[in-house]
Structure formats: structure tokens, C-alpha cells
Amino acid sequence: MHSLWMLVAGFMFACMGMLVKLSAVHFSSIELVFYRSLFGLLLTYLAMRVCRIPLLTEHWKVHCWRGLFGLGGLLLFFYCITQLPLATAISLNNTWPLFLALLATIFLKEHLHWALGMAVMLGFIGVILLLRPTLYGDQWQAGLIGLLSAVFASFAHLNLKQLGKLGESEWLVVFYFTLICTVITGIWLSLTTFSVITSNNVWLLAGVGITATLAQLALTRAYRVGKTMVVGALAYSTVLFAGLWDVFLWNEMLPMSAWIGMAMIVLGGLLSLRIAPVSARSQ
């Protein structure tokens, strides 16, 4: 039953994606990442102060790399959400376990045995099936950006694996990640411009921040008290919930071949995680 917290996280992540897509009319992807990160930073800081968790770390270099890769993946992912059907964008971003399996082989010198190779191949065949029937000519760029967001996410997870081995707490990892995202996007926006926040769109920003934070809390609890493989399987429920939002809000009806492609991405990702276990995602 504890693993069912991942269903809560999956639903909240899908709701966050839905609100990001609705917010794109009023705000840029950079602004959405800024407000999402700012909300998470404030909440994390308050929680750490209440629990008296120290803010200092000796491993700031690894935190910086994790933050930069995570920020890059988040910016690309949010942009992808605004350009593609929600379920398609989330499926492309969820190819990160496939890239992580390749990165672990290259950088950590882990052995890529035949089972892991088949899992990676299965996932990428699913990507081809997903993209071919669902993207129009002018959407291929967004599709490639979605895959690139997964590459950045896989590098971020490689850093998470390092931080886990170094004994860094989850709160500290989330704090520095949101701090780096907030500072960099805040500086970026200060050199350009902020969109006007009105009574009509402020609820969208609040919704993005609230759903992202609730999703992170549910995700953390699921991995802490649930069974890892069950939680990993339920993590892909985000794709299903996103597909339902596509149908209800945008009348997006994906063809059967696209859903088969999503299923292959899910299966390939699950096999990759089972064969080469890594730290849970924290985006």
C-alpha cells in the first residue's frame, strides 16, 4: 500500500504538466521554471529550519553539476510541454533511464550486458513508434528537444547517484537544486523581462508550485516506504494521467501506435532500472 504514494506523485506531476501547458499563454518556460523553483526553495528552506537540518555541505561541486543538468532538463521539458501533446512530452522526458544506462556504461564503466542492451533498444523503438504518428512536420524540433531534456535528466541522475554515495540528505539535494534553478533563472529574467502577473493567471503559477511540491513529497515518501520496483512501475502512471488531461482539455486523441510506443518506453525504462538500479529521480 505504501507504494501507492507513487500514484499520488504521478497524478500531481501530470497536473503540473497540465498547468505548465495552460500557463504558456501568459509566461515563458524560463519564468515557469523560476516560479516553480522559487516555491520549492522557500518550502524546503522552511522545512529544513523547522527540522534543524544544516544547510552547509562539503560537496558543493557535485550539487552544482546536479543543479545545472537538472535546470537544463527542466527548461527543455517545460518548453516541450508547451509545444506537444502532454502525454507525448512526458513520455519523451521519461526516456531518461535509457540514456542513464548508456551513461553508466561510459562514465562509471558498468558492464552493458545483453539484457540491458535489449531494454535500451526496446525503449528507443518505442520512441520511434511514439514520434512517427504523433508529430507533424513543425513539431519534430520539439520532439528532439524532449529527448534532449531526458539526456540532461540522465546526467542529473548520475550526479544524484554520486550524492547518494556521499551521504547527502534528500532535503539538502532538493534545497540546492531549487536554489541553483531560482538564482540562475532569476538573473536571466532580470536581464530580460518578467511577464505581468494578474488575478487571472496568478493561480496558474501557484498551481504549478503546489503540484510540483506535492509531487516531490509523495515521490520521496513512495521511494522511502514502498517497494522500489513497484514504485518504479507506478511512476509511469504520469503518462496515463497526462493522456487523460490531453483528452479532456485539448481533445488530443493519440493513435494506438503512439500508446504502443509509450508502453515500450515504459517497459524499456523499467527493465533498465531493474537491471542497473540508480537513485530515484528528483526533477
C-alpha atoms as a PDB file:
ATOM      1  CA  MET A   1       0.000   0.000   0.000  1.00  0.00           C
ATOM      2  CA  HIS A   2       2.895   2.375   0.726  1.00  0.00           C
ATOM      3  CA  SER A   3       3.941   2.211  -2.923  1.00  0.00           C
ATOM      4  CA  LEU A   4       0.610   3.766  -3.913  1.00  0.00           C
ATOM      5  CA  TRP A   5       2.058   7.120  -2.890  1.00  0.00           C
ATOM      6  CA  MET A   6       3.633   6.988  -6.369  1.00  0.00           C
ATOM      7  CA  LEU A   7       0.155   7.193  -7.902  1.00  0.00           C
ATOM      8  CA  VAL A   8      -0.353  10.438  -5.989  1.00  0.00           C
ATOM      9  CA  ALA A   9       3.001  11.682  -7.279  1.00  0.00           C
ATOM     10  CA  GLY A  10       2.164  10.600 -10.841  1.00  0.00           C
ATOM     11  CA  PHE A  11      -1.146  12.441 -10.755  1.00  0.00           C
ATOM     12  CA  MET A  12       0.461  15.579  -9.320  1.00  0.00           C
ATOM     13  CA  PHE A  13       3.238  15.538 -11.927  1.00  0.00           C
ATOM     14  CA  ALA A  14       0.606  15.255 -14.660  1.00  0.00           C
ATOM     15  CA  CYS A  15      -1.340  18.136 -13.086  1.00  0.00           C
ATOM     16  CA  MET A  16       1.856  20.190 -13.003  1.00  0.00           C
ATOM     17  CA  GLY A  17       2.386  19.493 -16.702  1.00  0.00           C
ATOM     18  CA  MET A  18      -1.207  20.462 -17.455  1.00  0.00           C
ATOM     19  CA  LEU A  19      -0.819  23.763 -15.558  1.00  0.00           C
ATOM     20  CA  VAL A  20       2.505  24.462 -17.301  1.00  0.00           C
ATOM     21  CA  LYS A  21       0.785  23.979 -20.656  1.00  0.00           C
ATOM     22  CA  LEU A  22      -2.045  26.346 -19.652  1.00  0.00           C
ATOM     23  CA  SER A  23       0.458  28.872 -18.257  1.00  0.00           C
ATOM     24  CA  ALA A  24       2.383  29.048 -21.537  1.00  0.00           C
ATOM     25  CA  VAL A  25      -0.165  31.604 -22.775  1.00  0.00           C
ATOM     26  CA  HIS A  26       0.949  34.020 -20.038  1.00  0.00           C
ATOM     27  CA  PHE A  27       4.541  33.074 -19.142  1.00  0.00           C
ATOM     28  CA  SER A  28       7.722  31.840 -20.802  1.00  0.00           C
ATOM     29  CA  SER A  29       9.299  28.481 -19.956  1.00  0.00           C
ATOM     30  CA  ILE A  30      12.062  30.273 -18.043  1.00  0.00           C
ATOM     31  CA  GLU A  31       9.521  32.140 -15.912  1.00  0.00           C
ATOM     32  CA  LEU A  32       7.659  28.930 -15.144  1.00  0.00           C
ATOM     33  CA  VAL A  33      10.859  27.202 -14.044  1.00  0.00           C
ATOM     34  CA  PHE A  34      11.718  30.265 -11.909  1.00  0.00           C
ATOM     35  CA  TYR A  35       8.384  30.330 -10.065  1.00  0.00           C
ATOM     36  CA  ARG A  36       8.301  26.546  -9.719  1.00  0.00           C
ATOM     37  CA  SER A  37      11.818  26.564  -8.233  1.00  0.00           C
ATOM     38  CA  LEU A  38      11.196  29.598  -6.011  1.00  0.00           C
ATOM     39  CA  PHE A  39       8.147  27.972  -4.440  1.00  0.00           C
ATOM     40  CA  GLY A  40      10.074  24.735  -3.830  1.00  0.00           C
ATOM     41  CA  LEU A  41      13.069  26.628  -2.426  1.00  0.00           C
ATOM     42  CA  LEU A  42      11.003  28.524   0.139  1.00  0.00           C
ATOM     43  CA  LEU A  43       9.132  25.408   1.264  1.00  0.00           C
ATOM     44  CA  THR A  44      12.308  23.334   1.509  1.00  0.00           C
ATOM     45  CA  TYR A  45      14.163  26.046   3.419  1.00  0.00           C
ATOM     46  CA  LEU A  46      11.332  26.416   5.964  1.00  0.00           C
ATOM     47  CA  ALA A  47      11.134  22.653   6.457  1.00  0.00           C
ATOM     48  CA  MET A  48      14.901  22.400   6.986  1.00  0.00           C
ATOM     49  CA  ARG A  49      14.834  25.259   9.507  1.00  0.00           C
ATOM     50  CA  VAL A  50      11.978  23.642  11.447  1.00  0.00           C
ATOM     51  CA  CYS A  51      13.731  20.247  11.444  1.00  0.00           C
ATOM     52  CA  ARG A  52      17.091  21.906  12.163  1.00  0.00           C
ATOM     53  CA  ILE A  53      18.778  20.307   9.159  1.00  0.00           C
ATOM     54  CA  PRO A  54      22.132  22.056   8.441  1.00  0.00           C
ATOM     55  CA  LEU A  55      22.398  23.910   5.122  1.00  0.00           C
ATOM     56  CA  LEU A  56      26.170  23.643   4.677  1.00  0.00           C
ATOM     57  CA  THR A  57      27.729  20.935   2.522  1.00  0.00           C
ATOM     58  CA  GLU A  58      31.234  19.819   1.628  1.00  0.00           C
ATOM     59  CA  HIS A  59      30.123  18.521  -1.773  1.00  0.00           C
ATOM     60  CA  TRP A  60      29.016  21.766  -3.393  1.00  0.00           C
ATOM     61  CA  LYS A  61      30.691  20.956  -6.721  1.00  0.00           C
ATOM     62  CA  VAL A  62      28.540  17.859  -7.233  1.00  0.00           C
ATOM     63  CA  HIS A  63      25.458  19.840  -6.178  1.00  0.00           C
ATOM     64  CA  CYS A  64      26.329  22.492  -8.783  1.00  0.00           C
ATOM     65  CA  TRP A  65      26.619  19.945 -11.566  1.00  0.00           C
ATOM     66  CA  ARG A  66      23.371  18.265 -10.482  1.00  0.00           C
ATOM     67  CA  GLY A  67      21.665  21.677 -10.402  1.00  0.00           C
ATOM     68  CA  LEU A  68      22.930  22.754 -13.829  1.00  0.00           C
ATOM     69  CA  PHE A  69      21.987  19.500 -15.545  1.00  0.00           C
ATOM     70  CA  GLY A  70      18.646  19.413 -13.737  1.00  0.00           C
ATOM     71  CA  LEU A  71      17.910  23.017 -14.705  1.00  0.00           C
ATOM     72  CA  GLY A  72      18.754  22.336 -18.342  1.00  0.00           C
ATOM     73  CA  GLY A  73      16.463  19.323 -18.391  1.00  0.00           C
ATOM     74  CA  LEU A  74      13.658  21.233 -16.682  1.00  0.00           C
ATOM     75  CA  LEU A  75      13.834  24.178 -19.108  1.00  0.00           C
ATOM     76  CA  LEU A  76      13.760  21.882 -22.134  1.00  0.00           C
ATOM     77  CA  PHE A  77      10.978  19.750 -20.622  1.00  0.00           C
ATOM     78  CA  PHE A  78       8.760  22.751 -19.872  1.00  0.00           C
ATOM     79  CA  TYR A  79       9.293  24.054 -23.413  1.00  0.00           C
ATOM     80  CA  CYS A  80       8.423  20.622 -24.815  1.00  0.00           C
ATOM     81  CA  ILE A  81       5.187  20.566 -22.793  1.00  0.00           C
ATOM     82  CA  THR A  82       4.085  23.842 -24.392  1.00  0.00           C
ATOM     83  CA  GLN A  83       4.670  22.526 -27.921  1.00  0.00           C
ATOM     84  CA  LEU A  84       3.490  18.891 -27.863  1.00  0.00           C
ATOM     85  CA  PRO A  85       0.617  16.798 -26.526  1.00  0.00           C
ATOM     86  CA  LEU A  86       1.190  16.442 -22.792  1.00  0.00           C
ATOM     87  CA  ALA A  87       1.440  12.642 -22.835  1.00  0.00           C
ATOM     88  CA  THR A  88       3.974  12.764 -25.685  1.00  0.00           C
ATOM     89  CA  ALA A  89       6.162  15.343 -23.914  1.00  0.00           C
ATOM     90  CA  ILE A  90       6.140  13.386 -20.640  1.00  0.00           C
ATOM     91  CA  SER A  91       6.886  10.103 -22.424  1.00  0.00           C
ATOM     92  CA  LEU A  92       9.914  11.626 -24.171  1.00  0.00           C
ATOM     93  CA  ASN A  93      11.222  13.027 -20.893  1.00  0.00           C
ATOM     94  CA  ASN A  94      10.734   9.626 -19.252  1.00  0.00           C
ATOM     95  CA  THR A  95      13.325   8.061 -21.574  1.00  0.00           C
ATOM     96  CA  TRP A  96      15.974   9.183 -19.054  1.00  0.00           C
ATOM     97  CA  PRO A  97      16.545   5.630 -17.662  1.00  0.00           C
ATOM     98  CA  LEU A  98      17.563   4.510 -21.168  1.00  0.00           C
ATOM     99  CA  PHE A  99      20.149   7.281 -21.505  1.00  0.00           C
ATOM    100  CA  LEU A 100      21.281   6.690 -17.919  1.00  0.00           C
ATOM    101  CA  ALA A 101      22.054   3.056 -18.733  1.00  0.00           C
ATOM    102  CA  LEU A 102      24.319   4.241 -21.549  1.00  0.00           C
ATOM    103  CA  LEU A 103      25.957   6.934 -19.392  1.00  0.00           C
ATOM    104  CA  ALA A 104      26.643   4.454 -16.585  1.00  0.00           C
ATOM    105  CA  THR A 105      28.405   2.246 -19.117  1.00  0.00           C
ATOM    106  CA  ILE A 106      30.528   5.116 -20.468  1.00  0.00           C
ATOM    107  CA  PHE A 107      31.359   7.082 -17.301  1.00  0.00           C
ATOM    108  CA  LEU A 108      31.032   4.532 -14.499  1.00  0.00           C
ATOM    109  CA  LYS A 109      32.455   1.670 -16.587  1.00  0.00           C
ATOM    110  CA  GLU A 110      29.470  -0.541 -15.747  1.00  0.00           C
ATOM    111  CA  HIS A 111      29.084  -3.599 -17.945  1.00  0.00           C
ATOM    112  CA  LEU A 112      26.366  -3.256 -20.601  1.00  0.00           C
ATOM    113  CA  HIS A 113      25.213  -6.878 -20.776  1.00  0.00           C
ATOM    114  CA  TRP A 114      22.777  -8.128 -23.362  1.00  0.00           C
ATOM    115  CA  ALA A 115      19.630  -7.772 -21.198  1.00  0.00           C
ATOM    116  CA  LEU A 116      20.308  -4.085 -20.538  1.00  0.00           C
ATOM    117  CA  GLY A 117      21.140  -3.541 -24.198  1.00  0.00           C
ATOM    118  CA  MET A 118      17.809  -5.108 -25.202  1.00  0.00           C
ATOM    119  CA  ALA A 119      15.958  -2.904 -22.700  1.00  0.00           C
ATOM    120  CA  VAL A 120      17.555   0.230 -24.138  1.00  0.00           C
ATOM    121  CA  MET A 121      16.784  -0.878 -27.702  1.00  0.00           C
ATOM    122  CA  LEU A 122      13.170  -1.641 -26.756  1.00  0.00           C
ATOM    123  CA  GLY A 123      12.741   1.823 -25.296  1.00  0.00           C
ATOM    124  CA  PHE A 124      14.136   3.591 -28.335  1.00  0.00           C
ATOM    125  CA  ILE A 125      11.937   1.571 -30.691  1.00  0.00           C
ATOM    126  CA  GLY A 126       9.066   2.852 -28.554  1.00  0.00           C
ATOM    127  CA  VAL A 127      10.313   6.420 -29.096  1.00  0.00           C
ATOM    128  CA  ILE A 128      10.209   5.896 -32.870  1.00  0.00           C
ATOM    129  CA  LEU A 129       6.675   4.487 -32.700  1.00  0.00           C
ATOM    130  CA  LEU A 130       5.596   7.397 -30.494  1.00  0.00           C
ATOM    131  CA  LEU A 131       7.063  10.144 -32.655  1.00  0.00           C
ATOM    132  CA  ARG A 132       6.211   8.984 -36.164  1.00  0.00           C
ATOM    133  CA  PRO A 133       2.405   9.023 -35.855  1.00  0.00           C
ATOM    134  CA  THR A 134       2.024  11.951 -33.439  1.00  0.00           C
ATOM    135  CA  LEU A 135       4.349  14.716 -34.624  1.00  0.00           C
ATOM    136  CA  TYR A 136       3.616  16.990 -37.547  1.00  0.00           C
ATOM    137  CA  GLY A 137       6.442  18.405 -39.642  1.00  0.00           C
ATOM    138  CA  ASP A 138       6.836  21.519 -37.487  1.00  0.00           C
ATOM    139  CA  GLN A 139       6.886  19.503 -34.242  1.00  0.00           C
ATOM    140  CA  TRP A 140       9.985  17.405 -34.848  1.00  0.00           C
ATOM    141  CA  GLN A 141      12.195  20.069 -33.299  1.00  0.00           C
ATOM    142  CA  ALA A 142      10.119  19.982 -30.112  1.00  0.00           C
ATOM    143  CA  GLY A 143      10.304  16.187 -30.138  1.00  0.00           C
ATOM    144  CA  LEU A 144      14.088  16.234 -30.301  1.00  0.00           C
ATOM    145  CA  ILE A 145      14.150  18.841 -27.520  1.00  0.00           C
ATOM    146  CA  GLY A 146      12.032  16.447 -25.445  1.00  0.00           C
ATOM    147  CA  LEU A 147      14.653  13.719 -25.929  1.00  0.00           C
ATOM    148  CA  LEU A 148      17.411  16.206 -25.097  1.00  0.00           C
ATOM    149  CA  SER A 149      15.611  17.019 -21.825  1.00  0.00           C
ATOM    150  CA  ALA A 150      15.868  13.313 -20.980  1.00  0.00           C
ATOM    151  CA  VAL A 151      19.619  13.363 -21.729  1.00  0.00           C
ATOM    152  CA  PHE A 152      20.070  16.261 -19.275  1.00  0.00           C
ATOM    153  CA  ALA A 153      17.893  14.424 -16.728  1.00  0.00           C
ATOM    154  CA  SER A 154      20.051  11.302 -17.056  1.00  0.00           C
ATOM    155  CA  PHE A 155      23.196  13.335 -16.316  1.00  0.00           C
ATOM    156  CA  ALA A 156      21.389  14.836 -13.304  1.00  0.00           C
ATOM    157  CA  HIS A 157      20.568  11.336 -12.069  1.00  0.00           C
ATOM    158  CA  LEU A 158      24.201  10.346 -12.477  1.00  0.00           C
ATOM    159  CA  ASN A 159      25.063  13.213 -10.105  1.00  0.00           C
ATOM    160  CA  LEU A 160      22.272  12.080  -7.763  1.00  0.00           C
ATOM    161  CA  LYS A 161      23.906   8.683  -7.610  1.00  0.00           C
ATOM    162  CA  GLN A 162      27.172  10.380  -6.605  1.00  0.00           C
ATOM    163  CA  LEU A 163      25.431  12.474  -3.922  1.00  0.00           C
ATOM    164  CA  GLY A 164      23.720   9.381  -2.545  1.00  0.00           C
ATOM    165  CA  LYS A 165      27.066   7.615  -2.184  1.00  0.00           C
ATOM    166  CA  LEU A 166      28.446  10.723  -0.458  1.00  0.00           C
ATOM    167  CA  GLY A 167      25.636  10.518   2.113  1.00  0.00           C
ATOM    168  CA  GLU A 168      23.850  13.771   1.246  1.00  0.00           C
ATOM    169  CA  SER A 169      20.276  14.012   2.561  1.00  0.00           C
ATOM    170  CA  GLU A 170      17.301  14.295   0.205  1.00  0.00           C
ATOM    171  CA  TRP A 171      16.358  17.665   1.712  1.00  0.00           C
ATOM    172  CA  LEU A 172      19.826  19.057   1.042  1.00  0.00           C
ATOM    173  CA  VAL A 173      19.787  17.801  -2.553  1.00  0.00           C
ATOM    174  CA  VAL A 174      16.385  19.375  -3.233  1.00  0.00           C
ATOM    175  CA  PHE A 175      17.382  22.617  -1.475  1.00  0.00           C
ATOM    176  CA  TYR A 176      20.498  23.194  -3.571  1.00  0.00           C
ATOM    177  CA  PHE A 177      18.731  22.151  -6.758  1.00  0.00           C
ATOM    178  CA  THR A 178      15.911  24.654  -6.274  1.00  0.00           C
ATOM    179  CA  LEU A 179      18.401  27.305  -5.107  1.00  0.00           C
ATOM    180  CA  ILE A 180      20.513  26.973  -8.264  1.00  0.00           C
ATOM    181  CA  CYS A 181      17.427  26.976 -10.514  1.00  0.00           C
ATOM    182  CA  THR A 182      15.963  30.035  -8.773  1.00  0.00           C
ATOM    183  CA  VAL A 183      19.183  32.065  -8.856  1.00  0.00           C
ATOM    184  CA  ILE A 184      20.093  31.322 -12.489  1.00  0.00           C
ATOM    185  CA  THR A 185      16.604  31.819 -13.927  1.00  0.00           C
ATOM    186  CA  GLY A 186      16.116  34.896 -11.708  1.00  0.00           C
ATOM    187  CA  ILE A 187      19.311  36.502 -13.058  1.00  0.00           C
ATOM    188  CA  TRP A 188      18.300  35.553 -16.603  1.00  0.00           C
ATOM    189  CA  LEU A 189      14.884  37.163 -16.200  1.00  0.00           C
ATOM    190  CA  SER A 190      16.302  40.289 -14.534  1.00  0.00           C
ATOM    191  CA  LEU A 191      18.319  40.900 -17.700  1.00  0.00           C
ATOM    192  CA  THR A 192      15.233  40.488 -19.889  1.00  0.00           C
ATOM    193  CA  THR A 193      11.731  40.962 -18.530  1.00  0.00           C
ATOM    194  CA  PHE A 194       9.067  39.428 -16.321  1.00  0.00           C
ATOM    195  CA  SER A 195       5.545  38.921 -17.636  1.00  0.00           C
ATOM    196  CA  VAL A 196       2.763  40.693 -15.798  1.00  0.00           C
ATOM    197  CA  ILE A 197       1.116  38.661 -13.025  1.00  0.00           C
ATOM    198  CA  THR A 198      -2.614  39.286 -12.794  1.00  0.00           C
ATOM    199  CA  SER A 199      -5.505  37.951 -10.762  1.00  0.00           C
ATOM    200  CA  ASN A 200      -6.370  35.753 -13.742  1.00  0.00           C
ATOM    201  CA  ASN A 201      -3.012  33.985 -14.075  1.00  0.00           C
ATOM    202  CA  VAL A 202      -1.550  34.025 -10.566  1.00  0.00           C
ATOM    203  CA  TRP A 203      -3.481  30.858  -9.718  1.00  0.00           C
ATOM    204  CA  LEU A 204      -1.651  29.064 -12.535  1.00  0.00           C
ATOM    205  CA  LEU A 205       1.732  29.913 -11.005  1.00  0.00           C
ATOM    206  CA  ALA A 206       0.522  28.876  -7.568  1.00  0.00           C
ATOM    207  CA  GLY A 207      -0.828  25.651  -9.030  1.00  0.00           C
ATOM    208  CA  VAL A 208       2.500  24.805 -10.721  1.00  0.00           C
ATOM    209  CA  GLY A 209       4.371  25.389  -7.467  1.00  0.00           C
ATOM    210  CA  ILE A 210       1.890  23.489  -5.282  1.00  0.00           C
ATOM    211  CA  THR A 211       1.533  20.450  -7.562  1.00  0.00           C
ATOM    212  CA  ALA A 212       5.306  20.221  -8.126  1.00  0.00           C
ATOM    213  CA  THR A 213       5.964  20.346  -4.369  1.00  0.00           C
ATOM    214  CA  LEU A 214       3.225  17.831  -3.519  1.00  0.00           C
ATOM    215  CA  ALA A 215       4.532  15.536  -6.260  1.00  0.00           C
ATOM    216  CA  GLN A 216       8.057  15.717  -4.805  1.00  0.00           C
ATOM    217  CA  LEU A 217       6.804  14.958  -1.289  1.00  0.00           C
ATOM    218  CA  ALA A 218       4.714  11.993  -2.482  1.00  0.00           C
ATOM    219  CA  LEU A 219       7.618  10.764  -4.633  1.00  0.00           C
ATOM    220  CA  THR A 220      10.055  10.928  -1.724  1.00  0.00           C
ATOM    221  CA  ARG A 221       7.663   9.074   0.590  1.00  0.00           C
ATOM    222  CA  ALA A 222       6.933   6.411  -2.047  1.00  0.00           C
ATOM    223  CA  TYR A 223      10.618   5.576  -2.522  1.00  0.00           C
ATOM    224  CA  ARG A 224      11.258   5.696   1.227  1.00  0.00           C
ATOM    225  CA  VAL A 225       8.495   3.335   2.387  1.00  0.00           C
ATOM    226  CA  GLY A 226       7.432   1.491  -0.782  1.00  0.00           C
ATOM    227  CA  LYS A 227       8.947  -1.319  -2.830  1.00  0.00           C
ATOM    228  CA  THR A 228      11.383   0.140  -5.347  1.00  0.00           C
ATOM    229  CA  MET A 229      10.267  -1.825  -8.424  1.00  0.00           C
ATOM    230  CA  VAL A 230       6.561  -1.311  -7.685  1.00  0.00           C
ATOM    231  CA  VAL A 231       7.178   2.399  -7.225  1.00  0.00           C
ATOM    232  CA  GLY A 232       9.206   2.488 -10.455  1.00  0.00           C
ATOM    233  CA  ALA A 233       6.339   0.874 -12.343  1.00  0.00           C
ATOM    234  CA  LEU A 234       3.744   3.225 -10.874  1.00  0.00           C
ATOM    235  CA  ALA A 235       5.955   6.232 -11.748  1.00  0.00           C
ATOM    236  CA  TYR A 236       4.896   5.838 -15.364  1.00  0.00           C
ATOM    237  CA  SER A 237       1.280   6.446 -14.344  1.00  0.00           C
ATOM    238  CA  THR A 238       2.132  10.088 -15.103  1.00  0.00           C
ATOM    239  CA  VAL A 239       1.895   9.246 -18.805  1.00  0.00           C
ATOM    240  CA  LEU A 240      -1.625   7.820 -18.363  1.00  0.00           C
ATOM    241  CA  PHE A 241      -2.835  10.793 -16.323  1.00  0.00           C
ATOM    242  CA  ALA A 242      -1.296  13.169 -18.866  1.00  0.00           C
ATOM    243  CA  GLY A 243      -3.101  11.339 -21.661  1.00  0.00           C
ATOM    244  CA  LEU A 244      -6.400  11.852 -19.848  1.00  0.00           C
ATOM    245  CA  TRP A 245      -5.687  15.593 -19.499  1.00  0.00           C
ATOM    246  CA  ASP A 246      -4.944  15.678 -23.248  1.00  0.00           C
ATOM    247  CA  VAL A 247      -8.343  14.171 -23.989  1.00  0.00           C
ATOM    248  CA  PHE A 248     -10.373  16.268 -21.537  1.00  0.00           C
ATOM    249  CA  LEU A 249      -8.757  19.685 -22.073  1.00  0.00           C
ATOM    250  CA  TRP A 250      -7.321  19.661 -25.598  1.00  0.00           C
ATOM    251  CA  ASN A 251      -9.268  16.879 -27.341  1.00  0.00           C
ATOM    252  CA  GLU A 252      -5.970  15.211 -28.258  1.00  0.00           C
ATOM    253  CA  MET A 253      -6.582  11.626 -29.376  1.00  0.00           C
ATOM    254  CA  LEU A 254      -3.314   9.735 -29.796  1.00  0.00           C
ATOM    255  CA  PRO A 255      -3.350   6.780 -32.223  1.00  0.00           C
ATOM    256  CA  MET A 256      -2.940   3.218 -30.971  1.00  0.00           C
ATOM    257  CA  SER A 257       0.624   3.046 -32.331  1.00  0.00           C
ATOM    258  CA  ALA A 258       1.555   6.001 -30.099  1.00  0.00           C
ATOM    259  CA  TRP A 259       0.223   4.227 -26.998  1.00  0.00           C
ATOM    260  CA  ILE A 260       2.137   1.084 -28.019  1.00  0.00           C
ATOM    261  CA  GLY A 261       5.254   3.239 -28.290  1.00  0.00           C
ATOM    262  CA  MET A 262       4.611   4.667 -24.811  1.00  0.00           C
ATOM    263  CA  ALA A 263       4.191   1.141 -23.426  1.00  0.00           C
ATOM    264  CA  MET A 264       7.536   0.122 -24.950  1.00  0.00           C
ATOM    265  CA  ILE A 265       9.223   3.188 -23.405  1.00  0.00           C
ATOM    266  CA  VAL A 266       7.724   2.241 -20.023  1.00  0.00           C
ATOM    267  CA  LEU A 267       8.843  -1.391 -20.340  1.00  0.00           C
ATOM    268  CA  GLY A 268      12.321  -0.432 -21.522  1.00  0.00           C
ATOM    269  CA  GLY A 269      12.688   2.080 -18.692  1.00  0.00           C
ATOM    270  CA  LEU A 270      11.521  -0.390 -16.054  1.00  0.00           C
ATOM    271  CA  LEU A 271      13.902  -3.081 -17.303  1.00  0.00           C
ATOM    272  CA  SER A 272      16.765  -0.571 -17.321  1.00  0.00           C
ATOM    273  CA  LEU A 273      16.019   0.442 -13.725  1.00  0.00           C
ATOM    274  CA  ARG A 274      15.744  -3.193 -12.624  1.00  0.00           C
ATOM    275  CA  ILE A 275      18.935  -4.323 -14.316  1.00  0.00           C
ATOM    276  CA  ALA A 276      21.009  -1.243 -13.454  1.00  0.00           C
ATOM    277  CA  PRO A 277      19.392   0.315 -10.309  1.00  0.00           C
ATOM    278  CA  VAL A 278      20.075   4.020  -9.762  1.00  0.00           C
ATOM    279  CA  SER A 279      18.896   6.799  -7.479  1.00  0.00           C
ATOM    280  CA  ALA A 280      15.285   7.907  -7.801  1.00  0.00           C
ATOM    281  CA  ARG A 281      14.583  10.989  -9.906  1.00  0.00           C
ATOM    282  CA  SER A 282      14.328  14.323  -8.176  1.00  0.00           C
ATOM    283  CA  GLN A 283      13.333  16.817 -11.013  1.00  0.00           C
END
